[in-house]
């Protein structure tokens, strides 16, 4: 997928779960913003989507000492999107 002018969108590159556009752990800040806009008014569905993505990431990402623990995935995928 591209975001115009040949640039990739801020989507997850699997199995690394890094952003295709900026290389940050996905969801990167740009992906988070896009998701908030896309799911505006429907936070429960956003949380279900992110939970499914987190489960896929947990299956794809190996446990390695140099990488964050899988338990950190909940913070990475869900904490930012919880309603306040």
N, C-alpha and C. Protein backbone atom coordinates (compact mmCIF):
# COMPACT_ATOMS: atom_id res chain seq x y z
N UNK A 1 0.83 -1.18 0.00
CA UNK A 1 0.00 0.00 0.00
C UNK A 1 0.88 1.25 0.00
N UNK A 2 0.41 2.23 -0.69
CA UNK A 2 1.18 3.47 -0.72
C UNK A 2 0.29 4.65 -0.37
N UNK A 3 0.92 5.66 0.16
CA UNK A 3 0.19 6.86 0.57
C UNK A 3 0.51 7.99 -0.39
N UNK A 4 0.31 7.78 -1.65
CA UNK A 4 0.57 8.81 -2.64
C UNK A 4 2.05 9.00 -2.89
N UNK A 5 2.39 9.39 -4.08
CA UNK A 5 3.76 9.67 -4.49
C UNK A 5 4.73 8.55 -4.17
N UNK A 6 4.24 7.31 -4.12
CA UNK A 6 5.11 6.16 -3.93
C UNK A 6 5.57 5.91 -2.50
N UNK A 7 5.05 6.69 -1.55
CA UNK A 7 5.42 6.48 -0.16
C UNK A 7 4.52 5.43 0.46
N UNK A 8 5.09 4.54 1.27
CA UNK A 8 4.24 3.53 1.91
C UNK A 8 3.37 4.15 2.99
N UNK A 9 2.23 3.51 3.24
CA UNK A 9 1.35 3.94 4.32
C UNK A 9 1.92 3.48 5.65
N UNK A 10 1.40 4.04 6.71
CA UNK A 10 1.83 3.67 8.06
C UNK A 10 1.07 2.42 8.49
N UNK A 11 1.44 1.30 7.87
CA UNK A 11 0.84 0.01 8.18
C UNK A 11 1.94 -0.92 8.68
N UNK A 12 1.53 -1.99 9.32
CA UNK A 12 2.49 -2.93 9.90
C UNK A 12 3.12 -3.81 8.84
N UNK A 13 4.43 -3.93 8.92
CA UNK A 13 5.16 -4.89 8.08
C UNK A 13 5.33 -6.15 8.93
N UNK A 14 4.73 -7.21 8.47
CA UNK A 14 4.81 -8.46 9.22
C UNK A 14 5.92 -9.32 8.67
N UNK A 15 6.65 -10.02 9.47
CA UNK A 15 6.40 -10.35 10.87
C UNK A 15 7.11 -9.45 11.88
N UNK A 16 7.74 -8.37 11.42
CA UNK A 16 8.51 -7.52 12.35
C UNK A 16 7.62 -6.58 13.16
N UNK A 17 6.43 -6.29 12.67
CA UNK A 17 5.51 -5.33 13.29
C UNK A 17 6.14 -3.97 13.44
N UNK A 18 6.90 -3.58 12.41
CA UNK A 18 7.44 -2.23 12.28
C UNK A 18 6.62 -1.53 11.22
N UNK A 19 6.53 -0.21 11.33
CA UNK A 19 5.78 0.58 10.36
C UNK A 19 6.49 0.55 9.01
N UNK A 20 5.74 0.33 7.95
CA UNK A 20 6.31 0.31 6.60
C UNK A 20 6.84 1.68 6.18
N UNK A 21 6.26 2.74 6.71
CA UNK A 21 6.64 4.09 6.30
C UNK A 21 7.79 4.67 7.11
N UNK A 22 7.73 4.52 8.45
CA UNK A 22 8.72 5.20 9.29
C UNK A 22 9.63 4.26 10.07
N UNK A 23 9.31 2.98 10.10
CA UNK A 23 10.15 2.00 10.77
C UNK A 23 9.96 1.91 12.28
N UNK A 24 9.06 2.72 12.83
CA UNK A 24 8.80 2.68 14.27
C UNK A 24 7.95 1.45 14.59
N UNK A 25 7.97 1.00 15.84
CA UNK A 25 7.08 -0.09 16.21
C UNK A 25 5.63 0.29 15.89
N UNK A 26 4.91 -0.64 15.25
CA UNK A 26 3.54 -0.36 14.87
C UNK A 26 2.61 -0.72 16.00
N UNK A 27 1.59 0.09 16.31
CA UNK A 27 1.16 1.28 15.59
C UNK A 27 1.99 2.50 15.96
N UNK A 28 2.58 3.12 14.96
CA UNK A 28 3.36 4.33 15.15
C UNK A 28 2.41 5.50 15.40
N UNK A 29 2.95 6.66 15.69
CA UNK A 29 2.08 7.80 16.00
C UNK A 29 1.18 8.17 14.82
N UNK A 30 1.68 8.07 13.60
CA UNK A 30 0.84 8.38 12.43
C UNK A 30 -0.28 7.35 12.28
N UNK A 31 0.02 6.08 12.50
CA UNK A 31 -1.01 5.05 12.42
C UNK A 31 -2.05 5.24 13.52
N UNK A 32 -1.60 5.62 14.71
CA UNK A 32 -2.54 5.86 15.81
C UNK A 32 -3.51 6.98 15.45
N UNK A 33 -2.98 8.05 14.91
CA UNK A 33 -3.83 9.17 14.52
C UNK A 33 -4.84 8.74 13.46
N UNK A 34 -4.38 8.01 12.46
CA UNK A 34 -5.28 7.53 11.40
C UNK A 34 -6.36 6.63 11.98
N UNK A 35 -5.99 5.75 12.91
CA UNK A 35 -6.96 4.84 13.52
C UNK A 35 -7.99 5.59 14.36
N UNK A 36 -7.54 6.59 15.11
CA UNK A 36 -8.47 7.39 15.92
C UNK A 36 -9.50 8.08 15.01
N UNK A 37 -9.03 8.61 13.89
CA UNK A 37 -9.94 9.27 12.95
C UNK A 37 -10.88 8.23 12.31
N UNK A 38 -10.31 7.12 11.88
CA UNK A 38 -11.10 6.09 11.20
C UNK A 38 -12.19 5.50 12.11
N UNK A 39 -11.87 5.32 13.38
CA UNK A 39 -12.81 4.70 14.32
C UNK A 39 -13.48 5.72 15.23
N UNK A 40 -13.48 6.98 14.84
CA UNK A 40 -14.11 8.03 15.64
C UNK A 40 -15.54 7.64 15.97
N UNK A 41 -15.90 7.73 17.23
CA UNK A 41 -17.24 7.40 17.65
C UNK A 41 -17.49 5.91 17.82
N UNK A 42 -16.47 5.08 17.60
CA UNK A 42 -16.64 3.64 17.72
C UNK A 42 -15.42 3.03 18.40
N UNK A 43 -15.12 3.52 19.58
CA UNK A 43 -13.92 3.05 20.29
C UNK A 43 -13.97 1.55 20.60
N UNK A 44 -15.12 0.95 20.95
CA UNK A 44 -15.11 -0.50 21.19
C UNK A 44 -14.62 -1.31 19.98
N UNK A 45 -15.02 -0.89 18.79
CA UNK A 45 -14.56 -1.60 17.59
C UNK A 45 -13.07 -1.38 17.37
N UNK A 46 -12.58 -0.18 17.64
CA UNK A 46 -11.14 0.08 17.55
C UNK A 46 -10.39 -0.84 18.51
N UNK A 47 -10.88 -0.98 19.74
CA UNK A 47 -10.22 -1.83 20.72
C UNK A 47 -10.23 -3.29 20.28
N UNK A 48 -11.34 -3.75 19.67
CA UNK A 48 -11.39 -5.12 19.17
C UNK A 48 -10.37 -5.32 18.04
N UNK A 49 -10.28 -4.35 17.14
CA UNK A 49 -9.32 -4.42 16.04
C UNK A 49 -7.89 -4.48 16.59
N UNK A 50 -7.57 -3.58 17.52
CA UNK A 50 -6.22 -3.54 18.07
C UNK A 50 -5.89 -4.81 18.85
N UNK A 51 -6.88 -5.36 19.53
CA UNK A 51 -6.66 -6.62 20.26
C UNK A 51 -6.33 -7.75 19.29
N UNK A 52 -7.02 -7.79 18.15
CA UNK A 52 -6.72 -8.80 17.13
C UNK A 52 -5.32 -8.61 16.56
N UNK A 53 -4.95 -7.35 16.31
CA UNK A 53 -3.60 -7.07 15.80
C UNK A 53 -2.54 -7.46 16.83
N UNK A 54 -2.81 -7.20 18.11
CA UNK A 54 -1.88 -7.56 19.17
C UNK A 54 -1.69 -9.08 19.23
N UNK A 55 -2.77 -9.83 19.07
CA UNK A 55 -2.68 -11.29 19.08
C UNK A 55 -1.84 -11.77 17.90
N UNK A 56 -2.02 -11.17 16.74
CA UNK A 56 -1.20 -11.53 15.58
C UNK A 56 0.27 -11.20 15.83
N UNK A 57 0.53 -10.05 16.42
CA UNK A 57 1.92 -9.66 16.72
C UNK A 57 2.54 -10.62 17.72
N UNK A 58 1.79 -11.02 18.72
CA UNK A 58 2.32 -11.96 19.72
C UNK A 58 2.69 -13.28 19.07
N UNK A 59 1.92 -13.70 18.08
CA UNK A 59 2.23 -14.94 17.37
C UNK A 59 3.43 -14.78 16.45
N UNK A 60 3.60 -13.58 15.86
CA UNK A 60 4.68 -13.35 14.90
C UNK A 60 6.02 -13.05 15.55
N UNK A 61 5.99 -12.33 16.66
CA UNK A 61 7.24 -11.86 17.27
C UNK A 61 7.84 -12.92 18.17
N UNK A 62 9.09 -13.28 17.93
CA UNK A 62 9.73 -14.27 18.80
C UNK A 62 10.13 -13.65 20.13
N UNK A 63 10.21 -14.45 21.15
CA UNK A 63 10.72 -13.99 22.45
C UNK A 63 12.25 -13.93 22.32
N UNK A 64 12.79 -12.71 22.46
CA UNK A 64 14.24 -12.52 22.40
C UNK A 64 14.66 -11.57 23.51
N UNK A 65 15.83 -11.80 24.09
CA UNK A 65 16.27 -10.93 25.18
C UNK A 65 16.47 -9.47 24.77
N UNK A 66 16.77 -9.22 23.49
CA UNK A 66 17.03 -7.86 23.04
C UNK A 66 15.77 -7.13 22.60
N UNK A 67 14.61 -7.77 22.67
CA UNK A 67 13.34 -7.18 22.27
C UNK A 67 12.44 -7.01 23.49
N UNK A 68 11.51 -6.07 23.42
CA UNK A 68 10.55 -5.94 24.53
C UNK A 68 9.76 -7.24 24.71
N UNK A 69 9.39 -7.52 25.92
CA UNK A 69 8.63 -8.74 26.22
C UNK A 69 7.25 -8.67 25.57
N UNK A 70 6.70 -9.83 25.28
CA UNK A 70 5.36 -9.87 24.69
C UNK A 70 4.34 -9.22 25.61
N UNK A 71 4.59 -9.25 26.90
CA UNK A 71 3.65 -8.61 27.83
C UNK A 71 3.59 -7.11 27.60
N UNK A 72 4.62 -6.53 27.00
CA UNK A 72 4.61 -5.11 26.68
C UNK A 72 3.72 -4.78 25.49
N UNK A 73 3.27 -5.80 24.78
CA UNK A 73 2.43 -5.55 23.61
C UNK A 73 1.10 -4.92 23.99
N UNK A 74 0.57 -5.24 25.15
CA UNK A 74 -0.70 -4.64 25.56
C UNK A 74 -0.56 -3.13 25.69
N UNK A 75 0.54 -2.68 26.24
CA UNK A 75 0.76 -1.25 26.34
C UNK A 75 0.91 -0.65 24.95
N UNK A 76 1.70 -1.29 24.12
CA UNK A 76 1.97 -0.79 22.76
C UNK A 76 0.71 -0.72 21.90
N UNK A 77 -0.15 -1.73 21.99
CA UNK A 77 -1.31 -1.80 21.12
C UNK A 77 -2.57 -1.19 21.71
N UNK A 78 -2.75 -1.26 23.01
CA UNK A 78 -4.04 -0.92 23.59
C UNK A 78 -4.05 0.31 24.49
N UNK A 79 -3.01 0.54 25.24
CA UNK A 79 -3.05 1.59 26.26
C UNK A 79 -3.35 2.97 25.69
N UNK A 80 -2.80 3.29 24.56
CA UNK A 80 -2.99 4.62 23.97
C UNK A 80 -4.43 4.84 23.50
N UNK A 81 -5.15 3.76 23.20
CA UNK A 81 -6.48 3.89 22.60
C UNK A 81 -7.62 3.81 23.61
N UNK A 82 -7.30 3.52 24.84
CA UNK A 82 -8.37 3.44 25.85
C UNK A 82 -9.02 4.79 26.03
N UNK A 83 -10.31 4.77 26.24
CA UNK A 83 -11.01 6.05 26.45
C UNK A 83 -10.60 6.63 27.79
N UNK A 84 -10.59 7.94 27.85
CA UNK A 84 -10.16 8.62 29.06
C UNK A 84 -11.31 9.29 29.71
